[in-house]
Amino acid sequence: MFNNLSEKLDKALHTLKGHGKITEVNVAETLKEVRRALLDADVNFKIAKDFTKRVKEKAIGQDVLTTLNPGQLMVKLVKDELTELMGGDSVGINLGGSPTVILMSGLQGSGKTTFSGKLANYLKTKKSKQVLLVGCDVYRPAAINQLQVVGEQIGVEVYAEVGNQNPVEISTNAIQHAKANSKNVVIIDTAGRLAVDEEMMTEISNIHKAVNPQETLFVVDSMTGQDAVNTAKAFNDVLNFDGVVLTKLDGDTRGGAALSIKSVVDKPIKFIGTGEKMDAVDVFYPDRMADRILGMGDVVSLVERAQEQYDEKAARELQKKIAKNQFGFDDFLSQIQQIKKMGSMKDLVGMIPGAGKALKDVDIDDDAFKGIEAIIHSMTPAERSSPNIINASRKKRIAKGSGTSVQDINQLMKQFNQMSKMMKMMQGGGGRKMMQMMRGMR
């Protein structure tokens, strides 16, 4: 995400860092390049102009011209201003009410129905909520079918009234159903249109008045840039929504919507969609996103994702196996599954400081582990638990069963042995201290 913007900002700030002496003139030249980078990212001209003006005022006010590391200070000022531009602090979702009613709004094709499912899954798994999804798109039967498929996938009930063309009535009936069936969150997926129109706005406004939601979220396709910002303004004028959801952010190389939308509608971005899977949703943190845009990574989010997959009991069992030299391919496979649950590989790499820039031209495939998994699944239980018994004839059989070569098996065995040695070494004091520190961050 934001690849083009990150690259151009890096070039602009790198030029300044390369100067032996920093002057007001080359600071102005650098900020001119920063403004150009923002405009190329489809940020509104006035917002880009005001952004660079504020950075310049802060730079001069903090004596950036006389500091020992003026380039580093400029990066910090740009980072702080990017954070403010995107909202400053993270704003959580309001889960008050009995039940909590969340109204979803947005144009057709913005990813509204899919995100409704993602939000339901997030509230179910992360907040332990009993969620009811409500299909109120009475114009597209496929929309209700899609919601039912999503609901079945994540194990959440979907309320729909086939044949009823009154979305206000469906919404109010759904809330009564939720109360009668101990559901504490109701997510209402409304109809979208291809463009903003009076009929659409009247309908969603009527639903809003009838259900009086605790949260009204506007879902927008981040890849539509300034069009997304303009649509958000039109919806906000009618609905006065509580927050924005940016979908398809993983495919957005520019980032104009994320950078502009808060300034235009003065509403926080609350969630972002980062992939197609039902768990590919993140709470939006402006400071972390600013770090990622400037190539600083997002270690906090990376650690949080790792901690979500951390099983203390399983970790203790694994430690015992490593200590007894019993670490096998089943354990190796288990570690791979945990990594995959953390998100897409491209997204994870982007969270490592400097890695996104270093690997910007490398195609990182989410199926990177597929070959390894095929090899391990082609092993017998005895071979997985005792890798040392795998000889030349066994390697040939495993290669044939997994559609790989003996060289691939040898490479995996080498990597496995290296990992086993490293994990054995980490059983010492240094490894324990590291694990204790990681647990303390939860």
Protein backbone atom coordinates (compact mmCIF):
# COMPACT_ATOMS: atom_id res chain seq x y z
CA MET A 1 0.00 0.00 0.00
CA PHE A 2 1.07 3.60 -0.69
CA ASN A 3 4.09 2.35 -2.66
CA ASN A 4 4.26 5.33 -5.04
CA LEU A 5 3.81 7.90 -2.28
CA SER A 6 6.39 6.20 -0.03
CA GLU A 7 8.95 6.12 -2.82
CA LYS A 8 8.50 9.79 -3.77
CA LEU A 9 8.56 11.04 -0.17
CA ASP A 10 11.70 9.01 0.47
CA LYS A 11 13.42 10.61 -2.54
CA ALA A 12 12.38 14.11 -1.47
CA LEU A 13 13.61 13.71 2.11
CA HIS A 14 16.74 11.79 1.08
CA THR A 15 17.81 14.76 -1.06
CA LEU A 16 17.63 17.02 1.98
CA LYS A 17 19.58 14.57 4.14
CA GLY A 18 22.34 14.55 1.51
CA HIS A 19 23.12 18.25 1.93
CA GLY A 20 26.14 19.13 4.03
CA LYS A 21 24.46 22.37 5.02
CA ILE A 22 20.71 22.77 5.34
CA THR A 23 19.30 26.13 4.35
CA GLU A 24 15.83 27.65 4.21
CA VAL A 25 16.12 27.44 0.43
CA ASN A 26 16.72 23.68 0.19
CA VAL A 27 14.12 23.03 2.90
CA ALA A 28 11.65 24.88 0.66
CA GLU A 29 12.81 22.84 -2.36
CA THR A 30 12.37 19.59 -0.43
CA LEU A 31 8.87 20.55 0.68
CA LYS A 32 8.03 21.44 -2.91
CA GLU A 33 8.87 17.83 -3.82
CA VAL A 34 6.84 16.60 -0.84
CA ARG A 35 3.85 18.62 -2.11
CA ARG A 36 4.32 17.16 -5.58
CA ALA A 37 4.40 13.64 -4.09
CA LEU A 38 1.13 14.31 -2.26
CA LEU A 39 -0.53 15.65 -5.43
CA ASP A 40 0.65 12.58 -7.37
CA ALA A 41 -0.98 10.49 -4.63
CA ASP A 42 -4.29 12.20 -5.53
CA VAL A 43 -4.36 14.39 -2.43
CA ASN A 44 -6.46 17.54 -2.78
CA PHE A 45 -4.31 20.55 -3.86
CA LYS A 46 -5.35 22.77 -0.93
CA ILE A 47 -4.68 19.98 1.59
CA ALA A 48 -1.23 19.32 0.08
CA LYS A 49 -0.40 23.05 0.09
CA ASP A 50 -1.52 23.53 3.71
CA PHE A 51 0.40 20.39 4.73
CA THR A 52 3.75 21.63 3.41
CA LYS A 53 3.10 25.12 4.77
CA ARG A 54 2.60 23.73 8.29
CA VAL A 55 5.74 21.55 8.04
CA LYS A 56 7.81 24.55 6.90
CA GLU A 57 6.51 26.73 9.76
CA LYS A 58 7.34 24.02 12.30
CA ALA A 59 10.76 23.44 10.74
CA ILE A 60 11.73 27.08 10.98
CA GLY A 61 10.15 27.38 14.44
CA GLN A 62 12.25 24.46 15.74
CA ASP A 63 15.53 25.78 14.29
CA VAL A 64 15.80 22.87 11.87
CA LEU A 65 18.50 24.86 10.01
CA THR A 66 20.93 24.71 12.94
CA THR A 67 20.38 21.21 14.32
CA LEU A 68 23.00 18.47 14.00
CA ASN A 69 20.56 16.13 12.18
CA PRO A 70 18.24 18.43 10.23
CA GLY A 71 17.29 15.68 7.79
CA GLN A 72 16.10 13.41 10.63
CA LEU A 73 14.16 16.26 12.21
CA MET A 74 12.44 16.97 8.89
CA VAL A 75 11.41 13.32 8.61
CA LYS A 76 9.94 13.53 12.13
CA LEU A 77 8.04 16.73 11.28
CA VAL A 78 6.63 15.18 8.10
CA LYS A 79 5.68 12.04 10.04
CA ASP A 80 3.93 14.06 12.78
CA GLU A 81 2.04 16.11 10.19
CA LEU A 82 0.99 12.98 8.26
CA THR A 83 -0.33 11.54 11.53
CA GLU A 84 -2.39 14.67 12.20
CA LEU A 85 -3.62 14.76 8.60
CA MET A 86 -5.02 11.22 8.99
CA GLY A 87 -6.70 11.97 12.31
CA GLY A 88 -4.04 12.07 15.04
CA ASP A 89 -5.33 9.44 17.47
CA SER A 90 -7.04 6.13 16.77
CA VAL A 91 -10.80 6.26 17.42
CA GLY A 92 -12.49 3.04 18.51
CA ILE A 93 -15.94 1.78 17.65
CA ASN A 94 -18.86 2.63 19.97
CA LEU A 95 -20.28 -0.61 21.37
CA GLY A 96 -22.87 0.97 23.65
CA GLY A 97 -26.58 0.20 23.41
CA SER A 98 -28.53 -3.00 23.93
CA PRO A 99 -28.07 -4.19 21.28
CA THR A 100 -25.39 -2.07 19.60
CA VAL A 101 -26.69 -1.08 16.16
CA ILE A 102 -24.13 -0.42 13.41
CA LEU A 103 -25.40 1.02 10.13
CA MET A 104 -23.24 0.48 7.04
CA SER A 105 -23.43 2.97 4.16
CA GLY A 106 -21.62 3.43 0.87
CA LEU A 107 -21.79 3.10 -2.88
CA GLN A 108 -22.28 -0.19 -4.71
CA GLY A 109 -18.91 -1.86 -5.30
CA SER A 110 -17.17 -0.23 -2.35
CA GLY A 111 -16.87 -3.55 -0.50
CA LYS A 112 -19.65 -2.72 1.98
CA THR A 113 -21.21 -6.22 2.20
CA THR A 114 -17.82 -7.93 2.49
CA PHE A 115 -16.72 -5.47 5.17
CA SER A 116 -19.96 -6.04 7.12
CA GLY A 117 -18.88 -9.68 7.35
CA LYS A 118 -15.32 -8.74 8.31
CA LEU A 119 -16.59 -6.43 11.05
CA ALA A 120 -18.94 -9.15 12.34
CA ASN A 121 -16.01 -11.58 12.42
CA TYR A 122 -13.81 -9.01 14.18
CA LEU A 123 -16.43 -8.31 16.86
CA LYS A 124 -17.12 -12.01 17.32
CA THR A 125 -13.48 -13.14 17.61
CA LYS A 126 -11.78 -10.08 19.14
CA LYS A 127 -14.60 -8.64 21.28
CA SER A 128 -16.55 -11.84 22.08
CA LYS A 129 -19.83 -10.37 20.76
CA GLN A 130 -22.94 -12.20 19.59
CA VAL A 131 -23.52 -10.60 16.18
CA LEU A 132 -26.51 -10.47 13.84
CA LEU A 133 -25.99 -9.44 10.19
CA VAL A 134 -28.99 -7.84 8.49
CA GLY A 135 -29.55 -7.82 4.72
CA CYS A 136 -31.34 -4.61 3.74
CA ASP A 137 -30.33 -4.39 0.08
CA VAL A 138 -33.79 -5.22 -1.30
CA TYR A 139 -32.85 -4.28 -4.87
CA ARG A 140 -30.08 -6.82 -5.46
CA PRO A 141 -31.00 -10.38 -4.42
CA ALA A 142 -27.34 -11.28 -4.98
CA ALA A 143 -26.38 -8.88 -2.16
CA ILE A 144 -28.44 -10.81 0.40
CA ASN A 145 -27.13 -14.11 -0.98
CA GLN A 146 -23.58 -12.76 -0.66
CA LEU A 147 -24.24 -11.73 2.95
CA GLN A 148 -25.64 -15.20 3.74
CA VAL A 149 -22.55 -16.87 2.25
CA VAL A 150 -20.32 -14.57 4.32
CA GLY A 151 -22.37 -15.23 7.46
CA GLU A 152 -22.09 -18.99 7.00
CA GLN A 153 -18.34 -18.67 6.43
CA ILE A 154 -17.75 -16.85 9.74
CA GLY A 155 -20.49 -18.56 11.76
CA VAL A 156 -22.72 -15.49 12.20
CA GLU A 157 -26.53 -15.47 11.77
CA VAL A 158 -27.95 -13.43 8.88
CA TYR A 159 -31.43 -11.89 9.16
CA ALA A 160 -33.27 -11.36 5.88
CA GLU A 161 -36.93 -11.07 4.83
CA VAL A 162 -37.19 -12.41 1.28
CA GLY A 163 -39.98 -10.59 -0.57
CA ASN A 164 -40.14 -7.62 1.81
CA GLN A 165 -39.19 -4.47 -0.11
CA ASN A 166 -39.26 -2.15 2.91
CA PRO A 167 -35.71 -1.82 4.35
CA VAL A 168 -36.90 0.30 7.30
CA GLU A 169 -39.31 -2.44 8.36
CA ILE A 170 -36.66 -5.13 7.90
CA SER A 171 -34.21 -3.15 10.07
CA THR A 172 -36.62 -2.62 12.95
CA ASN A 173 -37.77 -6.27 12.81
CA ALA A 174 -34.14 -7.40 12.86
CA ILE A 175 -33.45 -5.44 16.05
CA GLN A 176 -36.44 -7.09 17.74
CA HIS A 177 -35.12 -10.47 16.55
CA ALA A 178 -31.70 -9.64 18.01
CA LYS A 179 -33.20 -8.76 21.40
CA ALA A 180 -35.23 -11.97 21.45
CA ASN A 181 -32.18 -14.09 20.56
CA SER A 182 -29.55 -12.55 22.85
CA LYS A 183 -27.60 -10.81 20.06
CA ASN A 184 -25.69 -7.82 21.40
CA VAL A 185 -24.55 -6.33 18.06
CA VAL A 186 -26.65 -5.74 14.93
CA ILE A 187 -24.86 -4.83 11.68
CA ILE A 188 -27.20 -3.50 8.99
CA ASP A 189 -25.95 -3.80 5.42
CA THR A 190 -27.85 -1.24 3.33
CA ALA A 191 -28.31 -0.89 -0.42
CA GLY A 192 -25.67 0.86 -2.50
CA ARG A 193 -26.00 2.70 -5.79
CA LEU A 194 -23.59 3.34 -8.63
CA ALA A 195 -23.71 7.06 -7.79
CA VAL A 196 -25.10 9.34 -5.10
CA ASP A 197 -28.81 10.03 -5.73
CA GLU A 198 -31.74 11.52 -3.84
CA GLU A 199 -33.68 8.25 -3.60
CA MET A 200 -30.70 6.45 -2.05
CA MET A 201 -30.05 9.22 0.47
CA THR A 202 -33.71 9.40 1.50
CA GLU A 203 -33.85 5.64 2.05
CA ILE A 204 -30.73 5.39 4.20
CA SER A 205 -31.73 8.52 6.12
CA ASN A 206 -35.10 6.87 6.94
CA ILE A 207 -33.34 3.71 8.15
CA HIS A 208 -31.04 5.86 10.29
CA LYS A 209 -33.98 7.65 11.93
CA ALA A 210 -35.82 4.37 12.55
CA VAL A 211 -32.98 2.40 14.18
CA ASN A 212 -31.01 5.27 15.79
CA PRO A 213 -27.63 3.46 15.44
CA GLN A 214 -24.74 3.79 17.88
CA GLU A 215 -22.38 3.73 14.89
CA THR A 216 -22.92 4.81 11.29
CA LEU A 217 -19.95 3.85 9.14
CA PHE A 218 -19.24 5.02 5.61
CA VAL A 219 -17.45 2.37 3.54
CA VAL A 220 -15.31 3.65 0.70
CA ASP A 221 -13.06 2.05 -1.92
CA SER A 222 -9.70 3.71 -1.24
CA MET A 223 -8.55 3.06 -4.81
CA THR A 224 -11.03 5.65 -6.16
CA GLY A 225 -8.94 8.49 -4.67
CA GLN A 226 -10.58 11.94 -4.68
CA ASP A 227 -13.88 10.46 -5.91
CA ALA A 228 -14.00 8.58 -2.60
CA VAL A 229 -13.48 11.83 -0.69
CA ASN A 230 -16.21 13.64 -2.64
CA THR A 231 -18.67 10.78 -2.10
CA ALA A 232 -17.86 10.75 1.62
CA LYS A 233 -18.72 14.46 1.82
CA ALA A 234 -22.07 13.90 0.06
CA PHE A 235 -23.00 11.07 2.45
CA ASN A 236 -21.86 12.99 5.53
CA ASP A 237 -24.02 16.00 4.62
CA VAL A 238 -27.08 13.73 4.84
CA LEU A 239 -26.13 11.09 7.43
CA ASN A 240 -23.54 12.82 9.63
CA PHE A 241 -21.82 9.44 9.94
CA ASP A 242 -19.45 8.54 12.80
CA GLY A 243 -16.48 7.13 10.95
CA VAL A 244 -14.95 5.95 7.70
CA VAL A 245 -13.91 2.47 6.58
CA LEU A 246 -11.29 2.29 3.81
CA THR A 247 -11.47 -0.96 1.85
CA LYS A 248 -8.96 -2.34 -0.70
CA LEU A 249 -6.13 -0.43 0.94
CA ASP A 250 -3.77 -3.30 0.12
CA GLY A 251 -4.16 -2.48 -3.58
CA ASP A 252 -3.91 1.31 -3.21
CA THR A 253 -0.43 2.47 -4.27
CA ARG A 254 -1.28 6.18 -4.04
CA GLY A 255 -3.16 6.77 -0.78
CA GLY A 256 -5.02 10.00 -1.61
CA ALA A 257 -8.27 8.93 0.07
CA ALA A 258 -6.59 7.96 3.35
CA LEU A 259 -4.66 11.25 3.47
CA SER A 260 -7.52 13.56 2.45
CA ILE A 261 -10.74 12.19 3.87
CA LYS A 262 -10.31 13.31 7.51
CA SER A 263 -9.63 16.92 6.46
CA VAL A 264 -12.68 17.03 4.19
CA VAL A 265 -15.37 15.41 6.36
CA ASP A 266 -13.73 15.81 9.80
CA LYS A 267 -14.59 12.20 10.67
CA PRO A 268 -12.05 9.58 11.77
CA ILE A 269 -10.98 6.57 9.71
CA LYS A 270 -11.90 3.70 12.04
CA PHE A 271 -11.06 0.56 10.07
CA ILE A 272 -9.10 -0.46 6.99
CA GLY A 273 -9.48 -3.52 4.79
CA THR A 274 -6.13 -5.12 3.98
CA GLY A 275 -7.07 -8.17 1.91
CA GLU A 276 -9.82 -10.51 0.77
CA LYS A 277 -9.93 -12.90 3.75
CA MET A 278 -12.50 -12.40 6.50
CA ASP A 279 -9.81 -11.57 9.07
CA ALA A 280 -8.11 -9.00 6.78
CA VAL A 281 -9.29 -5.97 8.72
CA ASP A 282 -7.37 -3.65 11.03
CA VAL A 283 -8.22 -0.83 13.40
CA PHE A 284 -6.78 2.34 11.83
CA TYR A 285 -3.86 3.94 13.69
CA PRO A 286 -2.76 7.22 12.02
CA ASP A 287 0.71 7.21 13.62
CA ARG A 288 1.44 3.63 12.54
CA MET A 289 0.25 4.35 9.00
CA ALA A 290 2.48 7.45 8.85
CA ASP A 291 5.43 5.23 9.86
CA ARG A 292 4.64 2.81 7.05
CA ILE A 293 4.28 5.57 4.46
CA LEU A 294 7.74 6.84 5.40
CA GLY A 295 9.27 3.35 5.25
CA MET A 296 9.67 3.02 9.02
CA GLY A 297 7.56 -0.14 9.22
CA ASP A 298 4.99 -0.93 11.88
CA VAL A 299 6.61 -3.11 14.52
CA VAL A 300 3.82 -2.55 17.07
CA SER A 301 1.15 -3.99 14.76
CA LEU A 302 3.46 -6.84 13.79
CA VAL A 303 3.99 -7.76 17.47
CA GLU A 304 0.25 -7.45 18.16
CA ARG A 305 -0.55 -9.87 15.34
CA ALA A 306 2.09 -12.30 16.61
CA GLN A 307 0.68 -12.06 20.14
CA GLU A 308 -2.85 -12.81 18.86
CA GLN A 309 -1.56 -16.13 17.53
CA TYR A 310 0.56 -16.82 20.62
CA ASP A 311 -0.60 -19.86 22.58
CA GLU A 312 1.23 -20.03 25.92
CA LYS A 313 0.45 -23.71 26.53
CA ALA A 314 1.56 -24.68 22.99
CA ALA A 315 4.71 -22.58 23.41
CA ARG A 316 5.63 -24.42 26.63
CA GLU A 317 5.14 -27.78 24.90
CA LEU A 318 7.30 -26.60 22.02
CA GLN A 319 10.04 -25.48 24.41
CA LYS A 320 10.08 -28.93 26.01
CA LYS A 321 10.39 -30.58 22.58
CA ILE A 322 13.25 -28.30 21.58
CA ALA A 323 15.05 -28.93 24.86
CA LYS A 324 14.76 -32.71 24.29
CA ASN A 325 15.77 -32.35 20.63
CA GLN A 326 12.31 -33.61 19.57
CA PHE A 327 11.35 -30.67 17.31
CA GLY A 328 9.85 -32.22 14.16
CA PHE A 329 8.18 -31.30 10.89
CA ASP A 330 4.70 -31.32 12.48
CA ASP A 331 5.92 -28.55 14.81
CA PHE A 332 7.50 -26.76 11.85
CA LEU A 333 4.17 -26.95 9.98
CA SER A 334 2.36 -25.58 13.03
CA GLN A 335 4.68 -22.54 13.07
CA ILE A 336 3.96 -21.92 9.38
CA GLN A 337 0.19 -22.02 10.05
CA GLN A 338 0.59 -19.41 12.79
CA ILE A 339 2.52 -17.11 10.45
CA LYS A 340 -0.15 -17.47 7.75
CA LYS A 341 -2.86 -16.51 10.24
CA MET A 342 -1.09 -13.20 10.88
CA GLY A 343 -2.03 -11.90 7.41
CA SER A 344 -0.72 -11.64 3.88
CA MET A 345 3.04 -11.94 3.47
CA LYS A 346 3.25 -8.63 1.60
CA ASP A 347 1.45 -6.86 4.46
CA LEU A 348 3.72 -8.46 7.09
CA VAL A 349 6.89 -7.53 5.17
CA GLY A 350 5.63 -3.94 4.98
CA MET A 351 5.56 -3.83 8.79
CA ILE A 352 9.29 -4.58 9.07
CA PRO A 353 11.33 -1.33 9.06
CA GLY A 354 13.22 -0.97 5.78
CA ALA A 355 11.99 -4.28 4.36
CA GLY A 356 9.22 -2.75 2.25
CA LYS A 357 11.73 -0.51 0.49
CA ALA A 358 14.35 -3.24 0.08
CA LEU A 359 11.83 -5.69 -1.39
CA LYS A 360 9.68 -3.24 -3.36
CA ASP A 361 10.43 -4.98 -6.68
CA VAL A 362 10.07 -8.49 -5.27
CA ASP A 363 6.77 -10.29 -5.87
CA ILE A 364 5.84 -11.73 -2.49
CA ASP A 365 3.38 -14.56 -3.00
CA ASP A 366 0.91 -15.56 -0.28
CA ASP A 367 1.42 -19.15 -1.50
CA ALA A 368 5.12 -19.00 -0.62
CA PHE A 369 4.66 -21.85 1.89
CA LYS A 370 2.65 -24.08 -0.46
CA GLY A 371 5.67 -26.10 -1.63
CA ILE A 372 6.92 -26.62 1.92
CA GLU A 373 3.48 -27.72 3.09
CA ALA A 374 3.18 -30.17 0.17
CA ILE A 375 6.54 -31.72 1.07
CA ILE A 376 5.66 -32.11 4.76
CA HIS A 377 2.23 -33.58 3.94
CA SER A 378 3.95 -36.15 1.72
CA MET A 379 5.97 -37.45 4.67
CA THR A 380 4.87 -40.35 6.88
CA PRO A 381 4.07 -39.60 10.55
CA ALA A 382 7.36 -41.27 11.51
CA GLU A 383 9.33 -39.05 9.10
CA ARG A 384 7.66 -35.90 10.42
CA SER A 385 8.41 -36.73 14.04
CA SER A 386 11.94 -38.05 13.36
CA PRO A 387 13.42 -36.15 10.36
CA ASN A 388 16.79 -37.89 10.83
CA ILE A 389 15.36 -41.11 9.33
CA ILE A 390 14.78 -39.43 5.95
CA ASN A 391 17.34 -41.05 3.63
CA ALA A 392 17.87 -40.88 -0.15
CA SER A 393 15.10 -43.35 -1.07
CA ARG A 394 12.61 -41.61 1.26
CA LYS A 395 13.51 -38.26 -0.31
CA LYS A 396 12.71 -39.62 -3.78
CA ARG A 397 9.31 -40.86 -2.58
CA ILE A 398 8.52 -37.56 -0.82
CA ALA A 399 9.56 -35.56 -3.91
CA LYS A 400 7.33 -37.67 -6.15
CA GLY A 401 4.36 -37.37 -3.75
CA SER A 402 4.68 -33.57 -3.40
CA GLY A 403 5.44 -32.76 -7.03
CA THR A 404 8.85 -31.34 -6.11
CA SER A 405 12.47 -32.40 -6.63
CA VAL A 406 15.02 -34.09 -4.36
CA GLN A 407 16.92 -30.77 -4.40
CA ASP A 408 13.82 -29.09 -2.93
CA ILE A 409 13.72 -31.72 -0.17
CA ASN A 410 17.44 -31.19 0.57
CA GLN A 411 16.91 -27.41 0.72
CA LEU A 412 14.01 -27.80 3.14
CA MET A 413 15.99 -30.24 5.32
CA LYS A 414 18.86 -27.74 5.44
CA GLN A 415 16.53 -24.88 6.44
CA PHE A 416 14.83 -27.09 9.02
CA ASN A 417 18.16 -28.07 10.60
CA GLN A 418 19.27 -24.44 10.74
CA MET A 419 15.98 -23.43 12.38
CA SER A 420 16.25 -26.30 14.88
CA LYS A 421 19.78 -25.20 15.88
CA MET A 422 18.69 -21.58 16.25
CA MET A 423 15.71 -22.55 18.42
CA LYS A 424 17.95 -24.78 20.54
CA MET A 425 20.31 -21.84 21.10
CA MET A 426 17.38 -19.64 22.11
CA GLN A 427 16.60 -21.99 24.97
CA GLY A 428 19.43 -20.20 26.80
CA GLY A 429 19.08 -17.07 28.91
CA GLY A 430 18.96 -14.73 25.92
CA GLY A 431 16.03 -16.53 24.35
CA ARG A 432 14.05 -16.62 27.60
CA LYS A 433 14.60 -12.91 28.17
CA MET A 434 13.37 -12.18 24.64
CA MET A 435 10.21 -14.25 25.14
CA GLN A 436 9.52 -12.61 28.51
CA MET A 437 9.87 -9.20 26.93
CA MET A 438 7.48 -10.13 24.12
CA ARG A 439 4.91 -11.40 26.64
CA GLY A 440 5.25 -8.15 28.61
CA MET A 441 4.23 -6.21 25.50
CA ARG A 442 0.80 -7.88 25.37
